[in-house]
Amino acid sequence: MPEATAATILVVEDDSIVRMLIVDVLEELEYTVLEAANGLEALAILESDAVIDLMMTDQGLPDTPGTELAVKARKLRSDLRVLFASGYAENIQVAADMHIIGKPFSIDQLRDKVKAVLAQR
């Protein structure tokens, strides 16, 4: 049975099928989920007054690399937690307080990684 949580996660993924699967899993875990198909959509959400506890972003977005999006996101929300999802996780250089999960990942791996990232302050 899922654990109740009040966390809101912004999922930024250009592949609509992958995004749908991630969103479904996170909603099943009772997170509130916001979706963006690219960096521009993500920035519009980040500029709004929406509460966001974690941004999970693909590194390979068509308009903005995920690492560049994270830098822009942190300028808007300095305490935003960031989790990168990438099939090339070993090649990404990220800030020490940002996290990476390699694609493909299992539902259990996603659940555990999201919980761990949200638990950090």
N, C-alpha and C. Protein backbone atom coordinates (compact mmCIF):
# COMPACT_ATOMS: atom_id res chain seq x y z
N MET A 1 0.84 -1.20 0.00
CA MET A 1 0.00 0.00 0.00
C MET A 1 0.88 1.24 0.00
N PRO A 2 0.58 2.24 -0.84
CA PRO A 2 1.39 3.45 -0.91
C PRO A 2 1.37 4.23 0.40
N GLU A 3 2.46 4.96 0.62
CA GLU A 3 2.52 5.82 1.79
C GLU A 3 2.01 7.20 1.39
N ALA A 4 1.17 7.78 2.21
CA ALA A 4 0.63 9.10 1.93
C ALA A 4 1.74 10.13 2.03
N THR A 5 1.75 11.06 1.11
CA THR A 5 2.76 12.11 1.12
C THR A 5 2.15 13.38 0.54
N ALA A 6 2.71 14.50 0.96
CA ALA A 6 2.22 15.76 0.44
C ALA A 6 3.17 16.34 -0.59
N ALA A 7 4.18 15.58 -0.98
CA ALA A 7 5.20 16.09 -1.90
C ALA A 7 4.65 16.25 -3.32
N THR A 8 5.12 17.31 -3.98
CA THR A 8 4.78 17.57 -5.37
C THR A 8 6.04 17.45 -6.21
N ILE A 9 5.93 16.68 -7.29
CA ILE A 9 7.07 16.41 -8.16
C ILE A 9 6.77 16.93 -9.56
N LEU A 10 7.70 17.70 -10.11
CA LEU A 10 7.62 18.16 -11.49
C LEU A 10 8.43 17.18 -12.34
N VAL A 11 7.76 16.50 -13.26
CA VAL A 11 8.41 15.54 -14.16
C VAL A 11 8.61 16.21 -15.51
N VAL A 12 9.88 16.31 -15.94
CA VAL A 12 10.21 16.93 -17.22
C VAL A 12 10.80 15.84 -18.12
N GLU A 13 10.04 15.45 -19.12
CA GLU A 13 10.43 14.34 -20.01
C GLU A 13 9.79 14.56 -21.36
N ASP A 14 10.62 14.57 -22.42
CA ASP A 14 10.09 14.83 -23.76
C ASP A 14 9.41 13.62 -24.39
N ASP A 15 9.76 12.43 -23.98
CA ASP A 15 9.13 11.22 -24.52
C ASP A 15 7.80 11.02 -23.78
N SER A 16 6.70 11.20 -24.48
CA SER A 16 5.38 11.18 -23.83
C SER A 16 5.07 9.84 -23.17
N ILE A 17 5.52 8.75 -23.75
CA ILE A 17 5.25 7.43 -23.16
C ILE A 17 6.04 7.26 -21.86
N VAL A 18 7.32 7.63 -21.88
CA VAL A 18 8.15 7.54 -20.68
C VAL A 18 7.58 8.46 -19.60
N ARG A 19 7.21 9.68 -19.99
CA ARG A 19 6.64 10.64 -19.03
C ARG A 19 5.37 10.07 -18.40
N MET A 20 4.50 9.49 -19.23
CA MET A 20 3.25 8.92 -18.72
C MET A 20 3.53 7.80 -17.72
N LEU A 21 4.50 6.95 -18.02
CA LEU A 21 4.83 5.85 -17.11
C LEU A 21 5.37 6.36 -15.78
N ILE A 22 6.26 7.35 -15.82
CA ILE A 22 6.82 7.92 -14.60
C ILE A 22 5.71 8.58 -13.78
N VAL A 23 4.87 9.36 -14.45
CA VAL A 23 3.77 10.04 -13.76
C VAL A 23 2.84 9.02 -13.12
N ASP A 24 2.49 7.97 -13.85
CA ASP A 24 1.61 6.93 -13.30
C ASP A 24 2.19 6.31 -12.04
N VAL A 25 3.48 5.98 -12.08
CA VAL A 25 4.13 5.37 -10.91
C VAL A 25 4.11 6.34 -9.73
N LEU A 26 4.48 7.59 -9.98
CA LEU A 26 4.53 8.56 -8.88
C LEU A 26 3.15 8.85 -8.31
N GLU A 27 2.14 8.92 -9.17
CA GLU A 27 0.77 9.12 -8.68
C GLU A 27 0.29 7.91 -7.89
N GLU A 28 0.68 6.72 -8.33
CA GLU A 28 0.33 5.49 -7.61
C GLU A 28 0.95 5.51 -6.21
N LEU A 29 2.11 6.16 -6.08
CA LEU A 29 2.78 6.31 -4.77
C LEU A 29 2.21 7.49 -3.99
N GLU A 30 1.17 8.11 -4.53
CA GLU A 30 0.41 9.20 -3.92
C GLU A 30 1.15 10.53 -3.85
N TYR A 31 2.05 10.75 -4.82
CA TYR A 31 2.65 12.07 -4.97
C TYR A 31 1.75 12.90 -5.88
N THR A 32 1.78 14.20 -5.70
CA THR A 32 1.14 15.11 -6.64
C THR A 32 2.17 15.34 -7.74
N VAL A 33 1.75 15.22 -9.00
CA VAL A 33 2.69 15.29 -10.10
C VAL A 33 2.28 16.38 -11.10
N LEU A 34 3.24 17.20 -11.46
CA LEU A 34 3.09 18.18 -12.53
C LEU A 34 3.94 17.70 -13.69
N GLU A 35 3.52 17.97 -14.92
CA GLU A 35 4.23 17.45 -16.09
C GLU A 35 4.67 18.56 -17.02
N ALA A 36 5.86 18.35 -17.61
CA ALA A 36 6.34 19.25 -18.66
C ALA A 36 7.04 18.39 -19.71
N ALA A 37 6.82 18.74 -20.98
CA ALA A 37 7.41 17.99 -22.08
C ALA A 37 8.77 18.53 -22.51
N ASN A 38 9.13 19.71 -21.98
CA ASN A 38 10.41 20.31 -22.35
C ASN A 38 10.82 21.35 -21.32
N GLY A 39 11.98 21.93 -21.52
CA GLY A 39 12.50 22.91 -20.57
C GLY A 39 11.66 24.16 -20.47
N LEU A 40 11.14 24.64 -21.60
CA LEU A 40 10.31 25.85 -21.58
C LEU A 40 9.04 25.65 -20.75
N GLU A 41 8.39 24.51 -20.94
CA GLU A 41 7.19 24.22 -20.13
C GLU A 41 7.56 24.11 -18.65
N ALA A 42 8.69 23.48 -18.37
CA ALA A 42 9.13 23.33 -16.98
C ALA A 42 9.39 24.69 -16.34
N LEU A 43 10.07 25.57 -17.06
CA LEU A 43 10.36 26.90 -16.52
C LEU A 43 9.09 27.69 -16.26
N ALA A 44 8.10 27.56 -17.13
CA ALA A 44 6.82 28.25 -16.91
C ALA A 44 6.18 27.77 -15.61
N ILE A 45 6.24 26.47 -15.36
CA ILE A 45 5.69 25.93 -14.11
C ILE A 45 6.50 26.41 -12.92
N LEU A 46 7.83 26.40 -13.06
CA LEU A 46 8.71 26.85 -11.97
C LEU A 46 8.53 28.33 -11.67
N GLU A 47 8.16 29.12 -12.67
CA GLU A 47 7.92 30.55 -12.46
C GLU A 47 6.56 30.83 -11.84
N SER A 48 5.70 29.83 -11.80
CA SER A 48 4.37 30.00 -11.21
C SER A 48 4.48 29.90 -9.69
N ASP A 49 3.33 29.99 -9.04
CA ASP A 49 3.33 29.86 -7.58
C ASP A 49 3.08 28.42 -7.12
N ALA A 50 3.20 27.47 -8.03
CA ALA A 50 3.01 26.05 -7.68
C ALA A 50 4.08 25.61 -6.69
N VAL A 51 3.66 24.84 -5.71
CA VAL A 51 4.61 24.25 -4.77
C VAL A 51 5.25 23.05 -5.46
N ILE A 52 6.57 23.01 -5.47
CA ILE A 52 7.30 21.90 -6.09
C ILE A 52 8.41 21.48 -5.14
N ASP A 53 8.39 20.21 -4.75
CA ASP A 53 9.39 19.69 -3.83
C ASP A 53 10.57 19.05 -4.54
N LEU A 54 10.33 18.57 -5.76
CA LEU A 54 11.36 17.87 -6.51
C LEU A 54 11.10 18.04 -8.00
N MET A 55 12.17 18.30 -8.74
CA MET A 55 12.08 18.29 -10.20
C MET A 55 12.86 17.08 -10.68
N MET A 56 12.15 16.19 -11.38
CA MET A 56 12.78 15.03 -11.99
C MET A 56 12.85 15.32 -13.48
N THR A 57 14.05 15.42 -14.03
CA THR A 57 14.20 15.81 -15.42
C THR A 57 15.07 14.85 -16.20
N ASP A 58 14.69 14.66 -17.45
CA ASP A 58 15.53 13.94 -18.39
C ASP A 58 16.71 14.84 -18.72
N GLN A 59 17.88 14.26 -18.92
CA GLN A 59 19.03 15.05 -19.33
C GLN A 59 18.91 15.46 -20.80
N GLY A 60 18.38 14.56 -21.63
CA GLY A 60 18.36 14.79 -23.07
C GLY A 60 17.09 15.43 -23.58
N LEU A 61 16.77 16.60 -23.10
CA LEU A 61 15.59 17.33 -23.58
C LEU A 61 15.94 18.00 -24.91
N PRO A 62 14.95 18.15 -25.80
CA PRO A 62 15.25 18.71 -27.13
C PRO A 62 15.62 20.19 -27.11
N ASP A 63 15.12 20.96 -26.16
CA ASP A 63 15.35 22.40 -26.16
C ASP A 63 16.41 22.87 -25.17
N THR A 64 16.63 22.12 -24.11
CA THR A 64 17.55 22.51 -23.05
C THR A 64 18.10 21.26 -22.39
N PRO A 65 19.41 21.10 -22.27
CA PRO A 65 19.90 19.95 -21.51
C PRO A 65 19.38 20.01 -20.07
N GLY A 66 19.11 18.87 -19.49
CA GLY A 66 18.59 18.83 -18.12
C GLY A 66 19.47 19.56 -17.13
N THR A 67 20.80 19.47 -17.31
CA THR A 67 21.69 20.17 -16.38
C THR A 67 21.54 21.68 -16.50
N GLU A 68 21.32 22.18 -17.71
CA GLU A 68 21.09 23.62 -17.89
C GLU A 68 19.74 24.02 -17.29
N LEU A 69 18.74 23.18 -17.49
CA LEU A 69 17.43 23.44 -16.88
C LEU A 69 17.54 23.51 -15.36
N ALA A 70 18.33 22.62 -14.78
CA ALA A 70 18.49 22.60 -13.32
C ALA A 70 19.12 23.89 -12.81
N VAL A 71 20.10 24.42 -13.54
CA VAL A 71 20.73 25.68 -13.15
C VAL A 71 19.69 26.81 -13.18
N LYS A 72 18.90 26.86 -14.24
CA LYS A 72 17.85 27.88 -14.35
C LYS A 72 16.80 27.70 -13.26
N ALA A 73 16.45 26.45 -12.99
CA ALA A 73 15.45 26.16 -11.96
C ALA A 73 15.93 26.62 -10.59
N ARG A 74 17.20 26.38 -10.30
CA ARG A 74 17.76 26.76 -9.00
C ARG A 74 17.86 28.29 -8.86
N LYS A 75 17.95 29.01 -9.97
CA LYS A 75 17.93 30.47 -9.89
C LYS A 75 16.55 30.95 -9.46
N LEU A 76 15.52 30.21 -9.86
CA LEU A 76 14.15 30.55 -9.49
C LEU A 76 13.78 30.03 -8.11
N ARG A 77 14.30 28.85 -7.78
CA ARG A 77 13.96 28.17 -6.51
C ARG A 77 15.24 27.55 -5.97
N SER A 78 15.94 28.29 -5.14
CA SER A 78 17.27 27.87 -4.70
C SER A 78 17.29 26.57 -3.91
N ASP A 79 16.18 26.21 -3.28
CA ASP A 79 16.15 24.99 -2.46
C ASP A 79 15.52 23.80 -3.18
N LEU A 80 15.29 23.93 -4.49
CA LEU A 80 14.64 22.86 -5.25
C LEU A 80 15.53 21.62 -5.31
N ARG A 81 14.95 20.47 -4.98
CA ARG A 81 15.66 19.20 -5.13
C ARG A 81 15.57 18.80 -6.60
N VAL A 82 16.67 18.21 -7.12
CA VAL A 82 16.73 17.85 -8.54
C VAL A 82 17.19 16.41 -8.68
N LEU A 83 16.45 15.67 -9.51
CA LEU A 83 16.80 14.29 -9.85
C LEU A 83 16.84 14.17 -11.37
N PHE A 84 18.01 13.80 -11.90
CA PHE A 84 18.17 13.59 -13.33
C PHE A 84 17.89 12.13 -13.65
N ALA A 85 17.22 11.89 -14.77
CA ALA A 85 17.01 10.55 -15.28
C ALA A 85 17.69 10.50 -16.65
N SER A 86 18.58 9.53 -16.83
CA SER A 86 19.30 9.48 -18.09
C SER A 86 19.79 8.08 -18.40
N GLY A 87 19.77 7.75 -19.67
CA GLY A 87 20.36 6.51 -20.13
C GLY A 87 21.87 6.59 -20.15
N TYR A 88 22.40 7.77 -19.93
CA TYR A 88 23.85 8.00 -19.92
C TYR A 88 24.27 8.62 -18.59
N ALA A 89 23.72 8.10 -17.50
CA ALA A 89 23.93 8.66 -16.17
C ALA A 89 25.40 8.79 -15.80
N GLU A 90 26.21 7.84 -16.26
CA GLU A 90 27.63 7.88 -15.90
C GLU A 90 28.38 9.03 -16.57
N ASN A 91 27.77 9.66 -17.56
CA ASN A 91 28.42 10.75 -18.29
C ASN A 91 27.96 12.14 -17.85
N ILE A 92 27.06 12.22 -16.89
CA ILE A 92 26.52 13.52 -16.48
C ILE A 92 27.30 14.05 -15.28
N GLN A 93 27.71 15.30 -15.39
CA GLN A 93 28.35 15.99 -14.27
C GLN A 93 27.30 16.90 -13.63
N VAL A 94 26.98 16.63 -12.36
CA VAL A 94 25.96 17.44 -11.68
C VAL A 94 26.50 17.95 -10.35
N ALA A 95 25.85 18.97 -9.84
CA ALA A 95 26.23 19.51 -8.53
C ALA A 95 26.09 18.43 -7.46
N ALA A 96 26.89 18.55 -6.43
CA ALA A 96 26.93 17.53 -5.37
C ALA A 96 25.57 17.30 -4.71
N ASP A 97 24.72 18.32 -4.70
CA ASP A 97 23.42 18.18 -4.03
C ASP A 97 22.30 17.80 -5.01
N MET A 98 22.67 17.40 -6.22
CA MET A 98 21.70 16.91 -7.20
C MET A 98 21.91 15.41 -7.36
N HIS A 99 20.89 14.73 -7.86
CA HIS A 99 20.89 13.27 -7.89
C HIS A 99 20.63 12.75 -9.29
N ILE A 100 21.05 11.50 -9.53
CA ILE A 100 20.89 10.87 -10.85
C ILE A 100 20.32 9.47 -10.67
N ILE A 101 19.41 9.11 -11.57
CA ILE A 101 18.94 7.73 -11.68
C ILE A 101 19.12 7.32 -13.15
N GLY A 102 19.73 6.17 -13.36
CA GLY A 102 19.99 5.70 -14.71
C GLY A 102 18.77 5.04 -15.33
N LYS A 103 18.55 5.34 -16.61
CA LYS A 103 17.49 4.67 -17.37
C LYS A 103 18.09 3.45 -18.04
N PRO A 104 17.40 2.37 -18.15
CA PRO A 104 16.06 2.16 -17.60
C PRO A 104 16.13 1.87 -16.10
N PHE A 105 15.07 2.22 -15.39
CA PHE A 105 15.00 1.94 -13.96
C PHE A 105 13.71 1.22 -13.67
N SER A 106 13.72 0.46 -12.59
CA SER A 106 12.51 -0.27 -12.19
C SER A 106 11.61 0.64 -11.36
N ILE A 107 10.39 0.22 -11.17
CA ILE A 107 9.46 0.96 -10.31
C ILE A 107 10.03 1.07 -8.91
N ASP A 108 10.60 -0.02 -8.41
CA ASP A 108 11.18 0.00 -7.06
C ASP A 108 12.36 0.96 -6.97
N GLN A 109 13.20 0.98 -7.99
CA GLN A 109 14.34 1.89 -7.99
C GLN A 109 13.87 3.34 -8.01
N LEU A 110 12.85 3.63 -8.81
CA LEU A 110 12.30 4.98 -8.87
C LEU A 110 11.72 5.37 -7.52
N ARG A 111 10.91 4.51 -6.95
CA ARG A 111 10.31 4.78 -5.64
C ARG A 111 11.39 5.07 -4.60
N ASP A 112 12.39 4.19 -4.52
CA ASP A 112 13.43 4.33 -3.51
C ASP A 112 14.25 5.60 -3.71
N LYS A 113 14.58 5.92 -4.96
CA LYS A 113 15.38 7.11 -5.24
C LYS A 113 14.60 8.38 -4.91
N VAL A 114 13.34 8.45 -5.31
CA VAL A 114 12.52 9.62 -5.03
C VAL A 114 12.36 9.81 -3.52
N LYS A 115 12.08 8.74 -2.81
CA LYS A 115 11.94 8.83 -1.35
C LYS A 115 13.23 9.32 -0.71
N ALA A 116 14.37 8.81 -1.18
CA ALA A 116 15.67 9.21 -0.61
C ALA A 116 15.96 10.69 -0.87
N VAL A 117 15.68 11.14 -2.10
CA VAL A 117 15.94 12.53 -2.44
C VAL A 117 15.02 13.46 -1.64
N LEU A 118 13.76 13.10 -1.51
CA LEU A 118 12.81 13.92 -0.75
C LEU A 118 13.14 13.95 0.73
N ALA A 119 13.77 12.91 1.23
CA ALA A 119 14.11 12.85 2.66
C ALA A 119 15.28 13.77 3.01
N GLN A 120 16.06 14.17 2.02
CA GLN A 120 17.20 15.04 2.27
C GLN A 120 16.77 16.49 2.34
N ARG A 121 17.45 17.22 3.16
CA ARG A 121 17.17 18.65 3.28
C ARG A 121 18.38 19.43 2.96
